[in-house]
Amino acid sequence: QVQLVESGGGLVQAGGSLRLSCVASGRLFSINVMGWYRQAPGKERELVATITSNGRINYADSVKSRFTITRDGAKNTVYLQMNSLKPEDTAVYYCYGNHWGTRYWGQGTQVTVSS
C-alpha cells in the first residue's frame, strides 16, 4: 500500500510564495507519475502539474511560468514551488501518484492566498 503525505500549505499574501512537499511511502519502486491537483470550494478537482519518473512535466495553463514541479526519484518525493501566488490559487492541494493505472491520493493541504 502507498501513502502520500503532503506538507507546506498555509496562508500567504498575493504575490508571495509557498513550497509544497509530498512523500510517498510504502513501496520501494519509483512511482511512474507524481504530481499535484487542487480543488477550490464549489469547483471540481483540477490538474496543477505532473512529472514522470523520467522527467516529463505537464502544467496547467493557469500555473505555467509561476509554479515549478520537481521530484526526487530516489526518495519518491515531489515538490511544488509556487511563486507569484494569486487569490484564485486558493484551494486544497492534493498530492497524486499513478503507477501504471493504480492511483494514489494524499489527504490534501490547504493553500490560502489573501488579496
Protein backbone atom coordinates (compact mmCIF):
# COMPACT_ATOMS: atom_id res chain seq x y z
CA GLN A 1 0.00 0.00 0.00
CA VAL A 2 1.21 3.51 -0.86
CA GLN A 3 0.69 6.52 1.37
CA LEU A 4 1.16 10.09 0.17
CA VAL A 5 1.75 12.75 2.81
CA GLU A 6 1.76 16.43 1.91
CA SER A 7 3.22 19.36 3.80
CA GLY A 8 3.89 23.04 3.21
CA GLY A 9 0.48 24.61 2.80
CA GLY A 10 -0.58 27.77 4.58
CA LEU A 11 -1.69 31.36 4.29
CA VAL A 12 0.21 33.80 2.10
CA GLN A 13 -0.43 37.22 0.60
CA ALA A 14 -0.90 37.68 -3.13
CA GLY A 15 2.46 37.76 -4.87
CA GLY A 16 4.04 35.53 -2.26
CA SER A 17 5.46 32.03 -2.49
CA LEU A 18 4.93 28.62 -0.94
CA ARG A 19 6.58 25.24 -1.42
CA LEU A 20 4.61 22.05 -1.11
CA SER A 21 6.21 18.68 -0.49
CA CYS A 22 4.81 15.18 -0.81
CA VAL A 23 6.48 11.99 0.36
CA ALA A 24 5.33 8.60 -0.85
CA SER A 25 5.92 5.69 1.47
CA GLY A 26 5.12 2.01 1.47
CA ARG A 27 6.67 0.96 -1.85
CA LEU A 28 10.29 0.57 -2.93
CA PHE A 29 9.97 1.34 -6.62
CA SER A 30 9.70 4.78 -8.20
CA ILE A 31 6.08 5.76 -8.85
CA ASN A 32 5.66 6.37 -12.58
CA VAL A 33 3.78 9.68 -12.35
CA MET A 34 3.59 12.03 -9.39
CA GLY A 35 2.06 15.43 -9.19
CA TRP A 36 -0.46 17.83 -7.78
CA TYR A 37 -4.16 18.52 -8.19
CA ARG A 38 -6.21 21.19 -6.44
CA GLN A 39 -9.82 21.75 -5.53
CA ALA A 40 -11.34 25.12 -4.73
CA PRO A 41 -14.67 25.44 -2.90
CA GLY A 42 -17.55 24.67 -5.23
CA LYS A 43 -15.27 23.57 -8.05
CA GLU A 44 -14.06 20.28 -9.42
CA ARG A 45 -10.61 18.93 -8.68
CA GLU A 46 -8.20 20.06 -11.39
CA LEU A 47 -4.71 19.22 -12.53
CA VAL A 48 -1.92 21.54 -11.43
CA ALA A 49 1.21 19.73 -12.56
CA THR A 50 2.61 16.25 -13.03
CA ILE A 51 6.07 14.81 -13.53
CA THR A 52 7.01 11.34 -14.69
CA SER A 53 9.85 9.19 -13.40
CA ASN A 54 11.89 10.13 -16.48
CA GLY A 55 11.28 13.86 -16.02
CA ARG A 56 8.43 14.63 -18.41
CA ILE A 57 6.45 17.57 -16.99
CA ASN A 58 2.95 18.84 -17.61
CA TYR A 59 1.47 22.07 -16.22
CA ALA A 60 -1.98 23.54 -16.22
CA ASP A 61 -2.03 26.71 -18.32
CA SER A 62 -3.10 28.73 -15.28
CA VAL A 63 0.14 27.99 -13.40
CA LYS A 64 2.73 27.90 -16.18
CA SER A 65 5.68 30.24 -15.52
CA ARG A 66 4.63 30.63 -11.86
CA PHE A 67 4.80 27.08 -10.48
CA THR A 68 7.64 24.58 -10.75
CA ILE A 69 7.34 20.86 -10.09
CA THR A 70 10.35 18.72 -9.24
CA ARG A 71 10.89 15.27 -7.81
CA ASP A 72 13.48 13.23 -6.05
CA GLY A 73 13.00 9.79 -7.51
CA ALA A 74 15.20 8.03 -5.02
CA LYS A 75 13.03 9.35 -2.21
CA ASN A 76 9.69 9.16 -4.04
CA THR A 77 9.21 12.80 -3.14
CA VAL A 78 7.63 15.50 -5.26
CA TYR A 79 7.75 19.24 -4.70
CA LEU A 80 5.71 22.17 -5.97
CA GLN A 81 7.30 25.60 -5.81
CA MET A 82 4.56 28.19 -6.15
CA ASN A 83 5.55 31.78 -6.90
CA SER A 84 3.54 34.90 -7.69
CA LEU A 85 0.54 33.39 -5.97
CA LYS A 86 -2.89 34.78 -6.74
CA PRO A 87 -6.13 34.64 -4.73
CA GLU A 88 -7.52 32.29 -7.38
CA ASP A 89 -4.81 29.77 -6.42
CA THR A 90 -6.64 29.28 -3.11
CA ALA A 91 -7.59 25.61 -2.84
CA VAL A 92 -6.86 22.32 -1.17
CA TYR A 93 -3.83 20.86 -2.93
CA TYR A 94 -3.65 17.09 -3.26
CA CYS A 95 -0.59 15.03 -3.97
CA TYR A 96 -1.19 12.47 -6.70
CA GLY A 97 0.55 9.30 -7.74
CA ASN A 98 -0.16 6.99 -10.64
CA HIS A 99 1.75 3.79 -11.11
CA TRP A 100 0.65 2.14 -14.34
CA GLY A 101 -3.03 2.85 -13.71
CA THR A 102 -3.16 2.49 -9.95
CA ARG A 103 -3.88 5.93 -8.48
CA TYR A 104 -2.97 7.28 -5.07
CA TRP A 105 -4.03 10.48 -3.30
CA GLY A 106 -2.78 12.38 -0.32
CA GLN A 107 -5.08 13.85 2.30
CA GLY A 108 -4.66 17.40 0.98
CA THR A 109 -3.11 20.58 2.27
CA GLN A 110 -4.84 23.97 2.33
CA VAL A 111 -3.31 26.89 0.44
CA THR A 112 -4.95 30.26 1.03
CA VAL A 113 -3.86 33.38 -0.85
CA SER A 114 -5.15 36.67 0.51
CA SER A 115 -5.58 39.74 -1.68
